[in-house]
Amino acid sequence: MNAKVMTLNEIRRTGIQLLTQNLGAVGMVRFLQQSDTGWGDYTKERGQWLGEPSLDEIATGIKNMKRPEKKHPAG
């Protein structure tokens, strides 16, 4: 295993090279297509993850994310 720290681009390039060497070009493409499709139904399941926030709740959340965190003085 290569212990060198690699950039994301290097990892992607190396991965594609290894897939192509081991699976051939067609197998590499089929693997990537299979990996990208995912599973489930995002549209149906997103309500379970996100709930049904009101527009006001969304706006408040955005404002809170933009607001710099106040640091309290030590003591």
C-alpha atoms as a PDB file:
ATOM      1  CA  MET A   1       0.000   0.000   0.000  1.00  0.00           C
ATOM      2  CA  ASN A   2       1.268   3.459  -0.844  1.00  0.00           C
ATOM      3  CA  ALA A   3       1.628   5.436   2.395  1.00  0.00           C
ATOM      4  CA  LYS A   4       2.175   8.739   0.566  1.00  0.00           C
ATOM      5  CA  VAL A   5      -0.445  11.407   1.169  1.00  0.00           C
ATOM      6  CA  MET A   6      -2.378  11.891  -2.036  1.00  0.00           C
ATOM      7  CA  THR A   7      -4.621  14.700  -3.238  1.00  0.00           C
ATOM      8  CA  LEU A   8      -8.222  13.863  -4.098  1.00  0.00           C
ATOM      9  CA  ASN A   9      -7.338  14.216  -7.771  1.00  0.00           C
ATOM     10  CA  GLU A  10      -4.457  11.718  -7.406  1.00  0.00           C
ATOM     11  CA  ILE A  11      -6.711   9.277  -5.542  1.00  0.00           C
ATOM     12  CA  ARG A  12      -9.376   9.545  -8.251  1.00  0.00           C
ATOM     13  CA  ARG A  13      -6.816   9.076 -11.060  1.00  0.00           C
ATOM     14  CA  THR A  14      -5.176   6.093  -9.326  1.00  0.00           C
ATOM     15  CA  GLY A  15      -8.550   4.505  -8.605  1.00  0.00           C
ATOM     16  CA  ILE A  16      -9.653   4.780 -12.215  1.00  0.00           C
ATOM     17  CA  GLN A  17      -6.319   3.352 -13.401  1.00  0.00           C
ATOM     18  CA  LEU A  18      -6.629   0.376 -11.033  1.00  0.00           C
ATOM     19  CA  LEU A  19     -10.246  -0.257 -11.971  1.00  0.00           C
ATOM     20  CA  THR A  20      -9.344  -0.158 -15.661  1.00  0.00           C
ATOM     21  CA  GLN A  21      -6.389  -2.521 -15.168  1.00  0.00           C
ATOM     22  CA  ASN A  22      -8.444  -5.024 -13.199  1.00  0.00           C
ATOM     23  CA  LEU A  23     -11.869  -4.740 -14.832  1.00  0.00           C
ATOM     24  CA  GLY A  24     -11.084  -3.393 -18.296  1.00  0.00           C
ATOM     25  CA  ALA A  25     -12.514  -0.170 -19.684  1.00  0.00           C
ATOM     26  CA  VAL A  26     -16.082  -1.475 -19.948  1.00  0.00           C
ATOM     27  CA  GLY A  27     -16.000  -2.969 -16.438  1.00  0.00           C
ATOM     28  CA  MET A  28     -14.602   0.276 -15.012  1.00  0.00           C
ATOM     29  CA  VAL A  29     -17.414   2.284 -16.594  1.00  0.00           C
ATOM     30  CA  ARG A  30     -20.046  -0.192 -15.384  1.00  0.00           C
ATOM     31  CA  PHE A  31     -18.604  -0.044 -11.851  1.00  0.00           C
ATOM     32  CA  LEU A  32     -18.667   3.764 -11.806  1.00  0.00           C
ATOM     33  CA  GLN A  33     -22.226   3.844 -13.133  1.00  0.00           C
ATOM     34  CA  GLN A  34     -23.344   1.353 -10.494  1.00  0.00           C
ATOM     35  CA  SER A  35     -21.632   3.323  -7.738  1.00  0.00           C
ATOM     36  CA  ASP A  36     -23.213   6.625  -8.767  1.00  0.00           C
ATOM     37  CA  THR A  37     -26.821   5.462  -8.846  1.00  0.00           C
ATOM     38  CA  GLY A  38     -27.246   5.183  -5.082  1.00  0.00           C
ATOM     39  CA  TRP A  39     -30.405   3.716  -3.600  1.00  0.00           C
ATOM     40  CA  GLY A  40     -33.688   4.727  -2.057  1.00  0.00           C
ATOM     41  CA  ASP A  41     -36.035   7.539  -2.978  1.00  0.00           C
ATOM     42  CA  TYR A  42     -34.613  10.879  -1.852  1.00  0.00           C
ATOM     43  CA  THR A  43     -37.851  12.734  -2.535  1.00  0.00           C
ATOM     44  CA  LYS A  44     -39.861  10.434  -0.256  1.00  0.00           C
ATOM     45  CA  GLU A  45     -37.179  10.042   2.430  1.00  0.00           C
ATOM     46  CA  ARG A  46     -36.009  13.652   2.775  1.00  0.00           C
ATOM     47  CA  GLY A  47     -38.995  14.459   5.007  1.00  0.00           C
ATOM     48  CA  GLN A  48     -37.748  11.867   7.510  1.00  0.00           C
ATOM     49  CA  TRP A  49     -34.332  13.534   7.637  1.00  0.00           C
ATOM     50  CA  LEU A  50     -35.318  17.183   7.383  1.00  0.00           C
ATOM     51  CA  GLY A  51     -38.851  17.235   8.720  1.00  0.00           C
ATOM     52  CA  GLU A  52     -41.213  19.885   7.388  1.00  0.00           C
ATOM     53  CA  PRO A  53     -39.593  23.176   8.480  1.00  0.00           C
ATOM     54  CA  SER A  54     -41.536  26.380   7.915  1.00  0.00           C
ATOM     55  CA  LEU A  55     -40.059  29.203   5.864  1.00  0.00           C
ATOM     56  CA  ASP A  56     -39.464  31.150   9.092  1.00  0.00           C
ATOM     57  CA  GLU A  57     -37.513  28.224  10.600  1.00  0.00           C
ATOM     58  CA  ILE A  58     -35.364  27.965   7.478  1.00  0.00           C
ATOM     59  CA  ALA A  59     -34.686  31.726   7.475  1.00  0.00           C
ATOM     60  CA  THR A  60     -33.759  31.647  11.175  1.00  0.00           C
ATOM     61  CA  GLY A  61     -31.402  28.737  10.579  1.00  0.00           C
ATOM     62  CA  ILE A  62     -29.670  30.606   7.757  1.00  0.00           C
ATOM     63  CA  LYS A  63     -29.348  33.770   9.848  1.00  0.00           C
ATOM     64  CA  ASN A  64     -27.875  31.771  12.745  1.00  0.00           C
ATOM     65  CA  MET A  65     -25.299  30.167  10.441  1.00  0.00           C
ATOM     66  CA  LYS A  66     -24.204  33.568   9.113  1.00  0.00           C
ATOM     67  CA  ARG A  67     -23.995  35.183  12.550  1.00  0.00           C
ATOM     68  CA  PRO A  68     -20.418  35.155  13.909  1.00  0.00           C
ATOM     69  CA  GLU A  69     -20.057  33.240  17.142  1.00  0.00           C
ATOM     70  CA  LYS A  70     -19.676  35.604  20.093  1.00  0.00           C
ATOM     71  CA  LYS A  71     -16.735  34.860  22.339  1.00  0.00           C
ATOM     72  CA  HIS A  72     -17.300  35.297  26.035  1.00  0.00           C
ATOM     73  CA  PRO A  73     -14.570  36.995  28.049  1.00  0.00           C
ATOM     74  CA  ALA A  74     -12.607  34.624  30.268  1.00  0.00           C
ATOM     75  CA  GLY A  75     -13.323  34.868  33.950  1.00  0.00           C
END
